[in-house]
Amino acid sequence: MAPIDRLSALDAVFLDLETPRSPLHVGWTLRLDGVPPTPAALRRHLDSRLDRIPRFRRRLAQLAGGLAWVDDPAFDVARHVHRVTLPAPGDAAALRDCAGALLSHPLDRDRPLWRMYLVDGLRDGGFALVGQAHHALVDGIAAIEVALLLFDDGSELGPSRWRAEAAPSTATALRESASGRARAGLRGLGSLAKAAARPGETAGALRGIANPAPQTGLDRSLTPKRVVGFGSAPLEDVREAARRRGATVNDVLLAASALALSRALARRGERPHALKALVPVNVRAEGTAAALGNAVSFAAIELPLGETDPTTVLRTVRDRTREAKRAGAARPLAAIAQAGDLLPAPGRRAIARAAVRVAAFNAVVSNVPGPPVELTFMGRRLRSIHPAVPMLDGHGLTIGALSYAGRLGVGVYADAAVLPDAVDVARDIESAFDALRLAPERPPAAGPTPWQQRARARRAARTR
């Protein structure tokens, strides 16, 4: 029998934090060319490839020693793959409405935690695949690796011979739990030691997350109903905008998000000077991208909203992300998350919920690198990918971006009652990409003179 496939503390946190208003699944909308496959053909295709992803046939189970993934003896791919036909006119708006409605439904915890919909009836031809997988199962990087396993790779796979293994006995679970807890304890202690070795870095990271964020109308959850907006830009244009200012693609996405959200809030009569974005950071060890589960930390970046000049916004974001990287903002939070394996489930849940209450941010902005070359699925060309990044209860908006075959696809994912105009935000992000690419170079604003710096230092010393 294979070793028990237990959830890490971080995986389990995404189950702990899920609420009826905020289902925590990663989502995606894929646009593909060609004649849609039949649901039966799609199911056969996926089922033949699930041997590569055993956890997609496993469900949650409470075993001695904690939660684990165990084979679902009632697994049937037909329970996870469904067909939806768009009503007329089958245009882009109809697809967005459909994707938002499908991604509003939580996953059934009594079954493997994923679902996919074949969406046909599109007026411009082709079809879409709208899917979701629980964040306990995959993070953004793992989701991409899973997707790649399902696409065409030249191999011919016959029908699966998979048979469910029996769940481990209590004796086996207890035996493995003892050794597993020892290993987890060593990892947790090692993580705590790393955090303790950098007390200034750890304190700075915690301050960055806990420092108050500006209050806006985005900072609430009202309904589980979701709306989506899709945007895209040529990846080379985004890279060029970044190169000209010594920035990164992620900096350009954050700057474009700042410009777009400034407009969105202004439409509501709100004009905060800044927004605090929570930015997921991949902390996977090299060579482990295909491993399921979560290996993610976070950095808090303040986005300037009072500034309208695109170049100034990008430079400001660039400088703040550089400082976050220099300070190692993501490392201590990753270490603390790993240390959660030391705790029993009730303590882990209590700390996770307390941490969410303390964490202050207005939106999540995530960027994941995707495949650089065109892919095919069942012989059909994949045209575009738009991610949906889950949002925690108490928040109404996430922005996700994913690069694919020379384009950067953006997905705005929002509480329908908090941000019904998600499509306008996506369009404003597209416009901001153009503005950042076309904006003329300007010399940076002159910094304070030496005597001003000394005066500020004296004033700061007097206030300590």
Protein backbone atom coordinates (compact mmCIF):
# COMPACT_ATOMS: atom_id res chain seq x y z
CA MET A 1 0.00 0.00 0.00
CA ALA A 2 1.25 3.48 -0.88
CA PRO A 3 2.08 5.90 1.96
CA ILE A 4 -0.89 7.84 3.32
CA ASP A 5 -1.42 11.04 1.33
CA ARG A 6 -1.89 13.53 4.16
CA LEU A 7 -2.72 17.21 3.84
CA SER A 8 -0.11 19.68 5.00
CA ALA A 9 -1.11 22.34 7.53
CA LEU A 10 -1.20 24.92 4.73
CA ASP A 11 -3.42 22.71 2.55
CA ALA A 12 -5.82 22.25 5.46
CA VAL A 13 -5.92 25.99 6.18
CA PHE A 14 -7.79 26.54 2.91
CA LEU A 15 -10.46 24.16 4.15
CA ASP A 16 -10.54 25.88 7.55
CA LEU A 17 -11.03 29.32 6.01
CA GLU A 18 -13.74 28.41 3.52
CA THR A 19 -17.20 29.88 4.27
CA PRO A 20 -20.57 29.69 2.51
CA ARG A 21 -19.92 33.18 1.07
CA SER A 22 -16.36 32.43 0.04
CA PRO A 23 -15.70 29.00 -1.50
CA LEU A 24 -11.94 28.64 -1.87
CA HIS A 25 -11.41 27.00 -5.23
CA VAL A 26 -8.98 27.95 -7.98
CA GLY A 27 -10.83 28.47 -11.26
CA TRP A 28 -10.10 28.86 -14.94
CA THR A 29 -11.80 29.57 -18.26
CA LEU A 30 -10.12 28.10 -21.34
CA ARG A 31 -11.14 29.10 -24.88
CA LEU A 32 -10.48 26.49 -27.56
CA ASP A 33 -10.93 26.34 -31.32
CA GLY A 34 -12.71 23.64 -33.28
CA VAL A 35 -15.78 21.50 -32.94
CA PRO A 36 -16.56 20.76 -29.28
CA PRO A 37 -16.00 17.14 -28.24
CA THR A 38 -18.96 15.21 -26.94
CA PRO A 39 -19.21 15.00 -23.15
CA ALA A 40 -18.55 11.25 -23.39
CA ALA A 41 -15.36 11.79 -25.43
CA LEU A 42 -14.19 14.51 -23.01
CA ARG A 43 -14.76 12.22 -20.04
CA ARG A 44 -12.85 9.37 -21.69
CA HIS A 45 -9.95 11.72 -22.47
CA LEU A 46 -9.74 13.03 -18.92
CA ASP A 47 -10.22 9.63 -17.30
CA SER A 48 -7.36 8.17 -19.32
CA ARG A 49 -5.03 10.85 -17.96
CA LEU A 50 -6.06 10.88 -14.32
CA ASP A 51 -3.60 8.06 -13.58
CA ARG A 52 -1.02 10.85 -13.79
CA ILE A 53 -2.83 12.81 -11.06
CA PRO A 54 -3.91 10.25 -8.43
CA ARG A 55 -5.23 12.90 -6.05
CA PHE A 56 -7.93 13.84 -8.57
CA ARG A 57 -9.57 10.47 -7.78
CA ARG A 58 -9.23 10.92 -4.02
CA ARG A 59 -11.57 12.48 -1.49
CA LEU A 60 -11.02 13.92 1.96
CA ALA A 61 -11.04 11.54 4.91
CA GLN A 62 -10.47 12.06 8.63
CA LEU A 63 -7.95 9.41 9.64
CA ALA A 64 -6.15 8.86 12.89
CA GLY A 65 -3.60 11.63 12.96
CA GLY A 66 -5.36 14.07 10.67
CA LEU A 67 -6.91 14.72 7.28
CA ALA A 68 -5.78 12.71 4.27
CA TRP A 69 -6.65 12.04 0.65
CA VAL A 70 -7.98 8.49 0.12
CA ASP A 71 -9.20 6.80 -3.05
CA ASP A 72 -12.90 7.41 -3.68
CA PRO A 73 -14.41 3.96 -4.34
CA ALA A 74 -17.44 5.63 -5.94
CA PHE A 75 -15.35 7.79 -8.27
CA ASP A 76 -17.01 8.39 -11.63
CA VAL A 77 -15.60 10.98 -13.99
CA ALA A 78 -19.16 11.72 -15.15
CA ARG A 79 -19.83 13.26 -11.73
CA HIS A 80 -17.08 15.79 -12.35
CA VAL A 81 -17.41 16.62 -16.06
CA HIS A 82 -20.60 18.30 -17.27
CA ARG A 83 -21.92 20.08 -20.36
CA VAL A 84 -23.50 23.53 -20.55
CA THR A 85 -24.92 25.10 -23.74
CA LEU A 86 -25.04 28.89 -23.83
CA PRO A 87 -28.37 30.51 -24.65
CA ALA A 88 -28.49 32.86 -27.65
CA PRO A 89 -26.67 34.98 -28.59
CA GLY A 90 -23.72 32.97 -27.21
CA ASP A 91 -21.42 36.00 -27.21
CA ALA A 92 -18.52 36.98 -24.94
CA ALA A 93 -20.91 38.42 -22.34
CA ALA A 94 -22.87 35.16 -22.23
CA LEU A 95 -19.66 33.20 -21.66
CA ARG A 96 -18.62 35.55 -18.84
CA ASP A 97 -22.03 35.24 -17.21
CA CYS A 98 -21.88 31.47 -17.51
CA ALA A 99 -18.34 31.24 -16.10
CA GLY A 100 -19.28 33.45 -13.15
CA ALA A 101 -22.34 31.33 -12.39
CA LEU A 102 -20.43 28.03 -12.63
CA LEU A 103 -17.58 29.29 -10.45
CA SER A 104 -20.09 30.37 -7.79
CA HIS A 105 -20.85 26.77 -6.83
CA PRO A 106 -18.77 25.24 -4.02
CA LEU A 107 -17.24 21.82 -4.47
CA ASP A 108 -18.69 18.77 -2.72
CA ARG A 109 -16.29 17.70 0.04
CA ASP A 110 -17.59 14.13 -0.12
CA ARG A 111 -16.05 13.76 -3.60
CA PRO A 112 -12.69 14.57 -5.19
CA LEU A 113 -12.42 18.35 -5.08
CA TRP A 114 -12.55 19.36 -8.73
CA ARG A 115 -15.10 19.92 -11.47
CA MET A 116 -15.07 20.84 -15.17
CA TYR A 117 -17.72 22.12 -17.57
CA LEU A 118 -17.73 21.86 -21.37
CA VAL A 119 -19.39 25.07 -22.58
CA ASP A 120 -20.65 25.12 -26.16
CA GLY A 121 -23.04 27.31 -28.15
CA LEU A 122 -20.50 30.12 -28.62
CA ARG A 123 -21.47 32.39 -31.48
CA ASP A 124 -17.92 32.80 -32.80
CA GLY A 125 -17.27 29.05 -32.85
CA GLY A 126 -15.10 26.89 -30.71
CA PHE A 127 -15.93 26.07 -27.11
CA ALA A 128 -14.79 26.73 -23.56
CA LEU A 129 -13.74 24.65 -20.57
CA VAL A 130 -14.61 26.20 -17.22
CA GLY A 131 -13.04 24.36 -14.33
CA GLN A 132 -12.37 24.55 -10.63
CA ALA A 133 -10.16 22.74 -8.11
CA HIS A 134 -10.07 23.40 -4.40
CA HIS A 135 -7.16 25.42 -3.08
CA ALA A 136 -6.48 22.58 -0.62
CA LEU A 137 -5.71 20.46 -3.68
CA VAL A 138 -3.65 22.88 -5.78
CA ASP A 139 -2.14 26.33 -5.74
CA GLY A 140 -1.61 28.36 -8.90
CA ILE A 141 1.69 26.76 -9.91
CA ALA A 142 0.41 23.23 -9.29
CA ALA A 143 -2.78 23.98 -11.24
CA ILE A 144 -0.72 24.80 -14.33
CA GLU A 145 1.29 21.61 -13.99
CA VAL A 146 -1.91 19.58 -13.65
CA ALA A 147 -3.37 21.23 -16.73
CA LEU A 148 -0.30 20.37 -18.77
CA LEU A 149 -0.77 16.69 -17.92
CA LEU A 150 -4.26 16.79 -19.44
CA PHE A 151 -3.24 18.38 -22.75
CA ASP A 152 -2.00 16.55 -25.83
CA ASP A 153 1.60 15.40 -25.57
CA GLY A 154 1.78 12.89 -28.43
CA SER A 155 1.13 9.87 -26.20
CA GLU A 156 -1.72 7.49 -26.85
CA LEU A 157 -3.33 6.41 -23.61
CA GLY A 158 -5.81 3.58 -23.47
CA PRO A 159 -8.65 3.18 -20.98
CA SER A 160 -7.56 3.51 -17.38
CA ARG A 161 -7.20 0.33 -15.31
CA TRP A 162 -7.44 2.26 -12.04
CA ARG A 163 -9.07 0.51 -9.10
CA ALA A 164 -9.64 2.21 -5.77
CA GLU A 165 -7.42 1.12 -2.91
CA ALA A 166 -9.09 0.55 0.44
CA ALA A 167 -8.68 3.31 3.00
CA PRO A 168 -5.88 2.59 5.46
CA SER A 169 -6.84 0.81 8.66
CA THR A 170 -6.83 2.66 11.96
CA ALA A 171 -3.71 0.76 13.03
CA THR A 172 -1.89 1.72 9.82
CA ALA A 173 -3.01 5.33 10.13
CA LEU A 174 -1.84 5.53 13.74
CA ARG A 175 1.51 3.95 12.89
CA GLU A 176 2.11 6.30 9.97
CA SER A 177 0.79 9.23 11.96
CA ALA A 178 3.47 8.76 14.61
CA SER A 179 6.31 8.77 12.09
CA GLY A 180 4.61 11.50 10.04
CA ARG A 181 4.22 13.74 13.07
CA ALA A 182 7.89 13.25 13.86
CA ARG A 183 8.86 14.33 10.34
CA ALA A 184 6.40 17.23 10.42
CA GLY A 185 7.72 18.23 13.82
CA LEU A 186 11.27 18.37 12.52
CA ARG A 187 10.14 20.43 9.51
CA GLY A 188 8.11 22.72 11.76
CA LEU A 189 10.95 23.21 14.21
CA GLY A 190 13.31 23.88 11.34
CA SER A 191 10.90 26.48 9.96
CA LEU A 192 10.59 28.16 13.35
CA ALA A 193 14.37 28.17 13.70
CA LYS A 194 14.70 29.89 10.33
CA ALA A 195 12.15 32.53 11.33
CA ALA A 196 13.84 33.03 14.71
CA ALA A 197 17.24 33.41 13.03
CA ARG A 198 15.95 36.50 11.21
CA PRO A 199 13.91 38.31 13.87
CA GLY A 200 13.98 41.65 12.06
CA GLU A 201 12.87 40.07 8.80
CA THR A 202 10.10 38.14 10.53
CA ALA A 203 8.84 41.19 12.42
CA GLY A 204 8.90 43.23 9.21
CA ALA A 205 6.91 40.62 7.31
CA LEU A 206 4.29 40.41 10.05
CA ARG A 207 4.03 44.20 10.19
CA GLY A 208 3.60 44.33 6.42
CA ILE A 209 0.63 41.98 6.60
CA ALA A 210 -0.91 43.44 9.76
CA ASN A 211 -0.45 47.17 9.06
CA PRO A 212 -3.86 48.74 8.36
CA ALA A 213 -5.10 48.92 4.79
CA PRO A 214 -7.21 51.83 3.49
CA GLN A 215 -10.92 51.20 3.94
CA THR A 216 -12.81 50.77 0.68
CA GLY A 217 -16.06 49.32 -0.58
CA LEU A 218 -14.12 46.27 -1.80
CA ASP A 219 -13.43 45.06 1.73
CA ARG A 220 -16.50 42.92 2.30
CA SER A 221 -18.26 39.72 1.27
CA LEU A 222 -21.97 39.86 0.52
CA THR A 223 -22.80 36.81 -1.55
CA PRO A 224 -21.26 33.60 -2.94
CA LYS A 225 -22.37 34.69 -6.42
CA ARG A 226 -19.38 35.51 -8.62
CA VAL A 227 -18.82 37.64 -11.69
CA VAL A 228 -15.77 37.54 -13.94
CA GLY A 229 -14.06 39.87 -16.36
CA PHE A 230 -11.48 38.82 -18.96
CA GLY A 231 -8.61 40.87 -20.34
CA SER A 232 -5.40 40.21 -22.24
CA ALA A 233 -2.31 41.90 -23.63
CA PRO A 234 0.63 40.86 -25.81
CA LEU A 235 3.23 39.53 -23.39
CA GLU A 236 6.09 41.19 -25.28
CA ASP A 237 4.41 44.59 -24.86
CA VAL A 238 4.15 44.02 -21.12
CA ARG A 239 7.78 42.92 -20.98
CA GLU A 240 8.85 45.98 -22.95
CA ALA A 241 7.00 48.30 -20.55
CA ALA A 242 8.81 46.54 -17.71
CA ARG A 243 12.27 46.64 -19.35
CA ARG A 244 12.09 50.39 -20.01
CA ARG A 245 11.67 51.05 -16.27
CA GLY A 246 13.86 48.29 -14.87
CA ALA A 247 10.73 46.50 -13.63
CA THR A 248 9.21 43.03 -13.93
CA VAL A 249 6.06 41.69 -15.58
CA ASN A 250 4.58 41.34 -12.09
CA ASP A 251 5.33 45.03 -11.42
CA VAL A 252 3.49 46.00 -14.62
CA LEU A 253 0.49 43.88 -13.60
CA LEU A 254 0.40 45.55 -10.18
CA ALA A 255 0.71 49.01 -11.73
CA ALA A 256 -2.06 48.26 -14.25
CA SER A 257 -4.23 46.96 -11.40
CA ALA A 258 -3.61 50.17 -9.45
CA LEU A 259 -4.68 52.34 -12.39
CA ALA A 260 -7.77 50.21 -13.05
CA LEU A 261 -8.87 50.01 -9.41
CA SER A 262 -8.42 53.77 -9.02
CA ARG A 263 -11.03 54.17 -11.78
CA ALA A 264 -13.31 51.50 -10.32
CA LEU A 265 -13.34 53.16 -6.92
CA ALA A 266 -13.77 56.64 -8.43
CA ARG A 267 -16.93 55.37 -10.15
CA ARG A 268 -18.20 54.71 -6.64
CA GLY A 269 -17.17 58.10 -5.32
CA GLU A 270 -14.17 56.65 -3.45
CA ARG A 271 -10.69 58.13 -3.84
CA PRO A 272 -8.29 56.44 -1.42
CA HIS A 273 -4.65 57.40 -1.77
CA ALA A 274 -3.56 53.77 -1.92
CA LEU A 275 -4.65 50.12 -1.87
CA LYS A 276 -2.87 47.25 -0.19
CA ALA A 277 -2.44 44.23 -2.47
CA LEU A 278 -1.66 40.75 -1.19
CA VAL A 279 0.67 39.13 -3.72
CA PRO A 280 1.12 35.32 -3.66
CA VAL A 281 4.76 34.22 -3.87
CA ASN A 282 5.81 30.77 -5.05
CA VAL A 283 8.10 29.10 -2.48
CA ARG A 284 8.36 25.68 -4.11
CA ALA A 285 11.72 24.01 -4.14
CA GLU A 286 13.24 23.72 -7.57
CA GLY A 287 11.98 20.65 -9.42
CA THR A 288 8.79 20.25 -7.35
CA ALA A 289 6.37 22.27 -9.49
CA ALA A 290 4.35 19.17 -10.39
CA ALA A 291 3.68 18.29 -6.74
CA LEU A 292 0.10 18.95 -5.71
CA GLY A 293 -0.80 20.87 -2.58
CA ASN A 294 0.36 24.34 -1.61
CA ALA A 295 3.79 25.92 -1.50
CA VAL A 296 2.89 29.58 -1.40
CA SER A 297 3.58 32.60 0.77
CA PHE A 298 2.49 36.22 0.48
CA ALA A 299 3.93 39.72 0.31
CA ALA A 300 1.96 42.92 0.95
CA ILE A 301 2.51 45.71 -1.59
CA GLU A 302 0.94 49.15 -1.31
CA LEU A 303 -0.38 50.33 -4.69
CA PRO A 304 -0.50 54.10 -5.32
CA LEU A 305 -3.98 55.26 -6.35
CA GLY A 306 -3.63 59.02 -6.07
CA GLU A 307 -1.15 59.15 -8.96
CA THR A 308 -2.41 59.22 -12.55
CA ASP A 309 0.88 59.21 -14.45
CA PRO A 310 1.50 55.58 -15.55
CA THR A 311 5.29 55.88 -15.43
CA THR A 312 5.25 57.22 -11.90
CA VAL A 313 2.85 54.49 -10.78
CA LEU A 314 5.07 51.76 -12.26
CA ARG A 315 8.24 53.19 -10.74
CA THR A 316 6.59 53.42 -7.34
CA VAL A 317 5.36 49.82 -7.54
CA ARG A 318 8.78 48.66 -8.80
CA ASP A 319 10.55 50.26 -5.85
CA ARG A 320 8.12 48.77 -3.33
CA THR A 321 8.33 45.24 -4.72
CA ARG A 322 12.13 45.50 -4.79
CA GLU A 323 12.12 46.48 -1.13
CA ALA A 324 9.77 43.60 -0.28
CA LYS A 325 12.10 41.16 -2.04
CA ARG A 326 15.19 42.69 -0.44
CA ALA A 327 13.60 42.38 2.98
CA GLY A 328 12.59 38.78 2.28
CA ALA A 329 8.95 39.55 3.04
CA ALA A 330 7.65 36.16 1.90
CA ARG A 331 10.18 33.90 3.66
CA PRO A 332 9.05 34.28 7.29
CA LEU A 333 5.38 33.78 6.43
CA ALA A 334 6.24 30.58 4.55
CA ALA A 335 8.23 29.34 7.55
CA ILE A 336 5.38 30.12 9.95
CA ALA A 337 2.91 28.30 7.68
CA GLN A 338 5.14 25.22 7.63
CA ALA A 339 5.39 25.37 11.42
CA GLY A 340 1.61 24.84 11.50
CA ASP A 341 2.32 21.11 11.06
CA LEU A 342 3.31 21.11 14.74
CA LEU A 343 -0.22 21.99 15.84
CA PRO A 344 -3.28 19.81 16.31
CA ALA A 345 -6.21 20.65 14.03
CA PRO A 346 -8.17 22.83 16.50
CA GLY A 347 -5.12 24.97 17.23
CA ARG A 348 -4.29 25.27 13.53
CA ARG A 349 -7.84 26.39 12.74
CA ALA A 350 -7.89 28.93 15.56
CA ILE A 351 -4.57 30.44 14.48
CA ALA A 352 -5.56 30.52 10.79
CA ARG A 353 -8.80 32.35 11.52
CA ALA A 354 -7.05 34.78 13.87
CA ALA A 355 -4.41 35.45 11.21
CA VAL A 356 -7.06 36.27 8.63
CA ARG A 357 -8.71 38.70 11.03
CA VAL A 358 -5.38 40.42 11.64
CA ALA A 359 -4.25 40.47 7.98
CA ALA A 360 -5.15 43.73 6.30
CA PHE A 361 -5.41 44.00 2.52
CA ASN A 362 -7.86 45.20 -0.13
CA ALA A 363 -7.30 42.77 -3.01
CA VAL A 364 -5.24 39.78 -4.10
CA VAL A 365 -3.19 40.23 -7.28
CA SER A 366 -1.56 37.04 -8.58
CA ASN A 367 0.68 36.36 -11.58
CA VAL A 368 1.60 32.82 -12.64
CA PRO A 369 3.89 31.96 -15.58
CA GLY A 370 2.20 29.58 -17.99
CA PRO A 371 3.35 27.57 -21.01
CA PRO A 372 5.16 29.71 -23.60
CA VAL A 373 4.08 27.59 -26.58
CA GLU A 374 0.67 26.81 -28.02
CA LEU A 375 -1.07 23.73 -26.66
CA THR A 376 -3.75 21.48 -28.07
CA PHE A 377 -6.47 19.61 -26.23
CA MET A 378 -8.01 16.61 -27.97
CA GLY A 379 -6.55 18.02 -31.19
CA ARG A 380 -8.10 21.48 -30.68
CA ARG A 381 -5.95 24.59 -30.30
CA LEU A 382 -6.03 26.31 -26.92
CA ARG A 383 -6.73 29.97 -27.66
CA SER A 384 -6.59 31.66 -24.24
CA ILE A 385 -6.53 31.07 -20.47
CA HIS A 386 -8.16 33.32 -17.85
CA PRO A 387 -7.61 32.38 -14.19
CA ALA A 388 -9.95 32.92 -11.24
CA VAL A 389 -8.08 33.44 -7.96
CA PRO A 390 -10.13 32.57 -4.85
CA MET A 391 -10.99 35.28 -2.32
CA LEU A 392 -11.18 35.06 1.45
CA ASP A 393 -14.32 35.96 3.34
CA GLY A 394 -14.40 39.68 4.00
CA HIS A 395 -12.97 40.57 0.58
CA GLY A 396 -14.67 41.17 -2.74
CA LEU A 397 -12.04 41.06 -5.49
CA THR A 398 -9.08 39.14 -6.86
CA ILE A 399 -7.05 39.73 -10.03
CA GLY A 400 -5.16 36.86 -11.63
CA ALA A 401 -2.86 36.81 -14.65
CA LEU A 402 -1.34 33.90 -16.53
CA SER A 403 1.00 34.01 -19.51
CA TYR A 404 0.40 31.65 -22.42
CA ALA A 405 1.83 31.50 -25.95
CA GLY A 406 2.86 35.14 -26.13
CA ARG A 407 -0.13 36.71 -24.35
CA LEU A 408 -0.92 37.60 -20.76
CA GLY A 409 -4.47 36.54 -19.89
CA VAL A 410 -6.15 38.36 -17.00
CA GLY A 411 -9.09 37.20 -14.93
CA VAL A 412 -10.98 39.58 -12.63
CA TYR A 413 -12.99 37.54 -10.12
CA ALA A 414 -15.40 39.34 -7.81
CA ASP A 415 -18.33 39.12 -5.42
CA ALA A 416 -21.26 39.99 -7.68
CA ALA A 417 -22.80 42.32 -5.09
CA VAL A 418 -19.51 44.08 -4.27
CA LEU A 419 -18.07 44.59 -7.78
CA PRO A 420 -20.73 43.89 -10.43
CA ASP A 421 -18.65 45.82 -13.00
CA ALA A 422 -15.77 43.30 -13.05
CA VAL A 423 -15.80 43.44 -16.86
CA ASP A 424 -15.08 47.19 -16.72
CA VAL A 425 -12.15 46.57 -14.38
CA ALA A 426 -10.74 44.02 -16.84
CA ARG A 427 -11.07 46.54 -19.69
CA ASP A 428 -9.40 49.20 -17.58
CA ILE A 429 -6.50 46.82 -16.90
CA GLU A 430 -6.12 46.31 -20.67
CA SER A 431 -6.14 50.10 -21.17
CA ALA A 432 -3.57 50.48 -18.39
CA PHE A 433 -1.25 47.98 -20.09
CA ASP A 434 -1.41 50.15 -23.21
CA ALA A 435 -0.82 53.32 -21.20
CA LEU A 436 2.21 51.80 -19.46
CA ARG A 437 3.66 50.69 -22.78
CA LEU A 438 3.10 54.05 -24.52
CA ALA A 439 3.86 56.42 -21.65
CA PRO A 440 6.92 58.60 -22.36
CA GLU A 441 9.96 58.27 -20.20
CA ARG A 442 10.26 60.89 -17.48
CA PRO A 443 13.18 61.48 -15.15
CA PRO A 444 12.43 60.32 -11.61
CA ALA A 445 11.28 63.04 -9.26
CA ALA A 446 14.15 64.62 -7.34
CA GLY A 447 14.59 63.06 -3.91
CA PRO A 448 15.12 65.00 -0.69
CA THR A 449 18.32 66.96 -0.33
CA PRO A 450 20.93 65.82 2.24
CA TRP A 451 19.84 68.50 4.73
CA GLN A 452 16.19 67.40 4.33
CA GLN A 453 17.19 63.80 4.97
CA ARG A 454 19.06 64.82 8.16
CA ALA A 455 16.10 66.88 9.36
CA ARG A 456 13.72 63.97 8.78
CA ALA A 457 16.06 61.63 10.67
CA ARG A 458 16.17 64.03 13.64
CA ARG A 459 12.37 64.31 13.71
CA ALA A 460 11.98 60.53 13.51
CA ALA A 461 14.47 60.08 16.40
CA ARG A 462 12.50 62.50 18.59
CA THR A 463 9.23 60.57 18.03
CA ARG A 464 10.60 57.16 19.05
